[in-house]
Amino acid sequence: MNIKITGKIIKIFLLGTFAMFILILIVDWDEFKKGYNEGISAHKTMNVTK
C-alpha cells in the first residue's frame, strides 16, 4: 500500500482537527469555562517566586 502524502492531505487533516476542536469547545462550553475560571483563580492564589 503506497500512499503519497501531499499538501492537500495535510491541509484536510489540519482543517478537520481544528473543526473538531471548535465543535468540542462549543458543545462543552460550560465545562470549559468552569475549568478555565478555576485555573485562573488557582493561579492567582499561588505564591510564585522568581
N, C-alpha and C. Protein backbone atom coordinates (compact mmCIF):
# COMPACT_ATOMS: atom_id res chain seq x y z
N MET A 1 0.84 -1.17 0.00
CA MET A 1 0.00 0.00 0.00
C MET A 1 0.89 1.24 0.00
N ASN A 2 0.84 1.98 -1.06
CA ASN A 2 1.70 3.14 -1.23
C ASN A 2 0.83 4.40 -1.26
N ILE A 3 0.94 5.20 -0.22
CA ILE A 3 0.15 6.42 -0.11
C ILE A 3 1.09 7.61 -0.17
N LYS A 4 0.79 8.53 -1.08
CA LYS A 4 1.57 9.76 -1.16
C LYS A 4 0.91 10.82 -0.29
N ILE A 5 1.69 11.38 0.60
CA ILE A 5 1.18 12.43 1.47
C ILE A 5 1.47 13.76 0.80
N THR A 6 0.41 14.43 0.39
CA THR A 6 0.56 15.70 -0.30
C THR A 6 0.14 16.84 0.62
N GLY A 7 0.37 18.04 0.17
CA GLY A 7 -0.03 19.21 0.94
C GLY A 7 -1.54 19.28 1.12
N LYS A 8 -2.27 18.79 0.13
CA LYS A 8 -3.74 18.79 0.20
C LYS A 8 -4.22 17.90 1.35
N ILE A 9 -3.61 16.73 1.49
CA ILE A 9 -3.99 15.81 2.56
C ILE A 9 -3.68 16.42 3.93
N ILE A 10 -2.54 17.07 4.05
CA ILE A 10 -2.16 17.70 5.31
C ILE A 10 -3.12 18.82 5.66
N LYS A 11 -3.51 19.63 4.66
CA LYS A 11 -4.46 20.72 4.91
C LYS A 11 -5.81 20.17 5.35
N ILE A 12 -6.29 19.10 4.73
CA ILE A 12 -7.57 18.49 5.11
C ILE A 12 -7.49 17.95 6.54
N PHE A 13 -6.38 17.31 6.89
CA PHE A 13 -6.21 16.78 8.24
C PHE A 13 -6.21 17.91 9.27
N LEU A 14 -5.47 18.99 9.02
CA LEU A 14 -5.42 20.09 9.96
C LEU A 14 -6.76 20.80 10.07
N LEU A 15 -7.46 20.96 8.95
CA LEU A 15 -8.78 21.58 8.99
C LEU A 15 -9.76 20.72 9.79
N GLY A 16 -9.72 19.41 9.62
CA GLY A 16 -10.58 18.50 10.37
C GLY A 16 -10.27 18.54 11.86
N THR A 17 -8.99 18.59 12.20
CA THR A 17 -8.59 18.66 13.61
C THR A 17 -9.08 19.96 14.24
N PHE A 18 -8.90 21.06 13.53
CA PHE A 18 -9.36 22.36 14.02
C PHE A 18 -10.88 22.39 14.16
N ALA A 19 -11.58 21.81 13.20
CA ALA A 19 -13.04 21.77 13.24
C ALA A 19 -13.53 20.95 14.43
N MET A 20 -12.89 19.83 14.71
CA MET A 20 -13.28 19.02 15.87
C MET A 20 -13.01 19.76 17.18
N PHE A 21 -11.90 20.48 17.25
CA PHE A 21 -11.60 21.27 18.44
C PHE A 21 -12.68 22.32 18.67
N ILE A 22 -13.06 23.03 17.63
CA ILE A 22 -14.10 24.06 17.76
C ILE A 22 -15.43 23.43 18.14
N LEU A 23 -15.77 22.29 17.54
CA LEU A 23 -17.03 21.61 17.86
C LEU A 23 -17.08 21.17 19.32
N ILE A 24 -16.00 20.58 19.79
CA ILE A 24 -15.94 20.15 21.19
C ILE A 24 -16.01 21.35 22.12
N LEU A 25 -15.35 22.44 21.75
CA LEU A 25 -15.39 23.65 22.56
C LEU A 25 -16.81 24.20 22.64
N ILE A 26 -17.54 24.20 21.54
CA ILE A 26 -18.92 24.70 21.53
C ILE A 26 -19.83 23.80 22.37
N VAL A 27 -19.69 22.50 22.21
CA VAL A 27 -20.57 21.56 22.91
C VAL A 27 -20.31 21.59 24.42
N ASP A 28 -19.05 21.66 24.83
CA ASP A 28 -18.70 21.62 26.25
C ASP A 28 -18.31 23.00 26.78
N TRP A 29 -18.94 24.05 26.28
CA TRP A 29 -18.55 25.41 26.64
C TRP A 29 -18.64 25.65 28.15
N ASP A 30 -19.71 25.21 28.79
CA ASP A 30 -19.87 25.45 30.23
C ASP A 30 -18.76 24.79 31.03
N GLU A 31 -18.42 23.57 30.68
CA GLU A 31 -17.35 22.85 31.38
C GLU A 31 -15.99 23.52 31.12
N PHE A 32 -15.76 23.95 29.90
CA PHE A 32 -14.52 24.63 29.55
C PHE A 32 -14.37 25.94 30.33
N LYS A 33 -15.46 26.70 30.38
CA LYS A 33 -15.44 27.99 31.08
C LYS A 33 -15.20 27.79 32.57
N LYS A 34 -15.85 26.77 33.16
CA LYS A 34 -15.68 26.47 34.58
C LYS A 34 -14.22 26.09 34.88
N GLY A 35 -13.65 25.22 34.07
CA GLY A 35 -12.26 24.81 34.27
C GLY A 35 -11.29 25.95 34.08
N TYR A 36 -11.55 26.80 33.09
CA TYR A 36 -10.69 27.95 32.85
C TYR A 36 -10.70 28.90 34.04
N ASN A 37 -11.90 29.20 34.54
CA ASN A 37 -12.01 30.10 35.68
C ASN A 37 -11.37 29.52 36.94
N GLU A 38 -11.50 28.22 37.15
CA GLU A 38 -10.86 27.58 38.30
C GLU A 38 -9.34 27.65 38.17
N GLY A 39 -8.83 27.46 36.97
CA GLY A 39 -7.39 27.54 36.75
C GLY A 39 -6.85 28.94 36.98
N ILE A 40 -7.59 29.95 36.52
CA ILE A 40 -7.16 31.33 36.72
C ILE A 40 -7.17 31.69 38.20
N SER A 41 -8.23 31.30 38.91
CA SER A 41 -8.31 31.64 40.34
C SER A 41 -7.24 30.89 41.13
N ALA A 42 -6.92 29.66 40.74
CA ALA A 42 -5.88 28.90 41.43
C ALA A 42 -4.51 29.54 41.18
N HIS A 43 -4.32 30.05 39.99
CA HIS A 43 -3.03 30.69 39.66
C HIS A 43 -2.85 31.99 40.44
N LYS A 44 -3.94 32.73 40.64
CA LYS A 44 -3.85 33.99 41.36
C LYS A 44 -3.51 33.78 42.83
N THR A 45 -3.90 32.64 43.40
CA THR A 45 -3.64 32.40 44.82
C THR A 45 -2.29 31.73 45.06
N MET A 46 -1.60 31.31 44.00
CA MET A 46 -0.29 30.67 44.15
C MET A 46 0.76 31.72 44.49
N ASN A 47 1.70 31.32 45.32
CA ASN A 47 2.85 32.19 45.64
C ASN A 47 3.98 31.81 44.70
N VAL A 48 4.20 32.65 43.72
CA VAL A 48 5.23 32.39 42.72
C VAL A 48 6.42 33.29 43.01
N THR A 49 7.58 32.67 43.18
CA THR A 49 8.78 33.46 43.42
C THR A 49 9.68 33.35 42.21
N LYS A 50 10.35 34.44 41.91
CA LYS A 50 11.26 34.46 40.76
C LYS A 50 12.68 34.37 41.21
